[in-house]
C-alpha cells in the first residue's frame, strides 16, 4: 500500500507534469510550498468561518452539524500536519499566500471569479 511519503512524491511528479503542459490549477497537498520559488504562480488561501464550512459539509456529505464540524476540524488538522511534516511550514501562515479569499462571504463562485480576475491581471491572461 502507498505510504504518505510515496503519495507526496507522486503528487510532486503530477504537479510538475501538469505545469509543464501549461496553465494549471493545483489545489492542496502542500503545492504552495512546493511551488513557492516560481514567479509564475498565484498562491490563494480559501477560507471561511466555521459555520459556513460546517453548512457546506452538511449539504455535501449529508451529515448533521456535529459530524460535519468534527470532519472539518479533522481535515484541517490533517492538512496542517501534512504541510508541517513534509514542507516544515505553517499551512495557514498568511505570508505564504498572495491572496486570501473568504468563501463564506463571497461564496465559492464569487471567490473563483475574484481569483480568476486577479490571475488574469497578474499574468496578462485573456478574459
Protein backbone atom coordinates (compact mmCIF):
# COMPACT_ATOMS: atom_id res chain seq x y z
CA UNK A 1 0.00 0.00 0.00
CA UNK A 2 1.18 3.53 -0.68
CA UNK A 3 2.77 5.42 2.18
CA UNK A 4 2.14 9.11 2.75
CA UNK A 5 5.69 9.81 1.54
CA UNK A 6 5.08 7.88 -1.69
CA UNK A 7 1.82 9.79 -2.22
CA UNK A 8 3.69 13.06 -1.63
CA UNK A 9 6.41 12.10 -4.13
CA UNK A 10 3.81 11.09 -6.71
CA UNK A 11 1.91 14.32 -6.10
CA UNK A 12 5.05 16.33 -6.84
CA UNK A 13 5.51 14.45 -10.11
CA UNK A 14 1.86 15.05 -11.06
CA UNK A 15 2.22 18.77 -10.27
CA UNK A 16 5.41 19.00 -12.34
CA UNK A 17 3.69 17.25 -15.26
CA UNK A 18 0.60 19.48 -15.03
CA UNK A 19 2.52 22.76 -15.02
CA UNK A 20 4.80 21.57 -17.82
CA UNK A 21 1.69 21.33 -20.02
CA UNK A 22 0.62 24.93 -19.47
CA UNK A 23 -1.57 26.92 -17.09
CA UNK A 24 -2.93 24.75 -14.30
CA UNK A 25 -4.79 25.00 -11.02
CA UNK A 26 -3.20 22.95 -8.25
CA UNK A 27 -5.10 22.57 -5.00
CA UNK A 28 -3.70 21.36 -1.71
CA UNK A 29 -1.14 18.78 -0.69
CA UNK A 30 1.46 21.48 0.02
CA UNK A 31 1.51 22.74 -3.57
CA UNK A 32 2.02 26.34 -2.45
CA UNK A 33 5.20 25.40 -0.64
CA UNK A 34 6.40 23.09 -3.38
CA UNK A 35 5.93 25.87 -5.96
CA UNK A 36 6.98 28.82 -3.80
CA UNK A 37 10.16 29.64 -5.74
CA UNK A 38 8.30 30.06 -9.03
CA UNK A 39 7.29 33.57 -10.11
CA UNK A 40 4.52 32.36 -12.41
CA UNK A 41 2.13 31.21 -9.68
CA UNK A 42 -0.64 32.74 -7.64
CA UNK A 43 -0.96 31.30 -4.13
CA UNK A 44 -4.52 31.63 -2.83
CA UNK A 45 -5.84 30.75 0.61
CA UNK A 46 -9.54 29.95 0.56
CA UNK A 47 -11.05 30.23 4.00
CA UNK A 48 -14.46 30.63 5.62
CA UNK A 49 -15.96 30.90 9.08
CA UNK A 50 -16.54 27.56 10.78
CA UNK A 51 -20.33 27.83 10.46
CA UNK A 52 -20.04 28.24 6.68
CA UNK A 53 -17.66 25.27 6.43
CA UNK A 54 -19.97 23.11 8.53
CA UNK A 55 -23.00 24.07 6.43
CA UNK A 56 -21.13 23.19 3.22
CA UNK A 57 -20.04 19.81 4.56
CA UNK A 58 -23.52 19.06 5.90
CA UNK A 59 -25.02 19.69 2.46
CA UNK A 60 -22.29 17.86 0.56
CA UNK A 61 -21.99 14.78 2.77
CA UNK A 62 -25.49 14.60 4.26
CA UNK A 63 -24.14 14.88 7.84
CA UNK A 64 -25.56 16.53 10.92
CA UNK A 65 -23.86 19.62 12.35
CA UNK A 66 -21.80 17.73 14.94
CA UNK A 67 -20.49 15.22 12.40
CA UNK A 68 -19.75 17.92 9.84
CA UNK A 69 -17.95 20.06 12.42
CA UNK A 70 -15.82 17.11 13.52
CA UNK A 71 -14.98 16.32 9.89
CA UNK A 72 -13.97 19.94 9.16
CA UNK A 73 -11.71 20.02 12.22
CA UNK A 74 -10.11 16.66 11.40
CA UNK A 75 -9.48 17.51 7.73
CA UNK A 76 -7.92 20.83 8.70
CA UNK A 77 -5.77 19.08 11.31
CA UNK A 78 -4.60 16.62 8.62
CA UNK A 79 -3.82 19.44 6.19
CA UNK A 80 -1.81 21.34 8.78
CA UNK A 81 0.10 18.20 9.79
CA UNK A 82 0.88 17.25 6.19
CA UNK A 83 2.33 20.67 5.37
CA UNK A 84 4.25 20.73 8.66
CA UNK A 85 5.67 17.23 8.17
CA UNK A 86 6.65 17.40 4.51
CA UNK A 87 7.32 21.10 3.99
CA UNK A 88 8.17 22.33 7.53
CA UNK A 89 5.70 25.19 7.23
CA UNK A 90 2.56 26.50 8.87
CA UNK A 91 -0.31 25.74 6.48
CA UNK A 92 -2.24 28.92 7.28
CA UNK A 93 0.65 31.40 7.60
CA UNK A 94 -0.55 34.46 5.63
CA UNK A 95 2.92 35.23 4.28
CA UNK A 96 2.74 32.05 2.16
CA UNK A 97 -0.14 33.44 0.10
CA UNK A 98 -0.56 36.23 -2.42
CA UNK A 99 -4.32 36.39 -1.90
CA UNK A 100 -6.78 35.23 0.73
CA UNK A 101 -10.48 34.89 -0.09
CA UNK A 102 -13.36 34.28 2.28
CA UNK A 103 -15.66 31.82 0.54
CA UNK A 104 -18.21 32.21 3.33
CA UNK A 105 -18.62 35.86 2.41
CA UNK A 106 -18.02 35.70 -1.34
CA UNK A 107 -19.45 32.25 -1.99
CA UNK A 108 -17.50 29.68 -3.97
CA UNK A 109 -18.45 31.19 -7.33
CA UNK A 110 -17.63 34.73 -6.17
CA UNK A 111 -14.27 33.60 -4.81
CA UNK A 112 -13.49 31.78 -8.06
CA UNK A 113 -14.37 34.87 -10.10
CA UNK A 114 -12.14 37.05 -7.92
CA UNK A 115 -9.21 34.64 -8.16
CA UNK A 116 -9.64 34.39 -11.93
CA UNK A 117 -9.70 38.18 -12.25
CA UNK A 118 -6.53 38.55 -10.18
CA UNK A 119 -4.78 35.80 -12.19
CA UNK A 120 -5.79 37.41 -15.47
CA UNK A 121 -4.42 40.77 -14.35
CA UNK A 122 -1.24 39.37 -12.82
CA UNK A 123 -0.31 37.11 -15.73
CA UNK A 124 -1.86 39.00 -18.64
CA UNK A 125 -4.30 36.24 -19.48
CA UNK A 126 -7.16 36.85 -21.89
CA UNK A 127 -10.61 37.02 -20.35
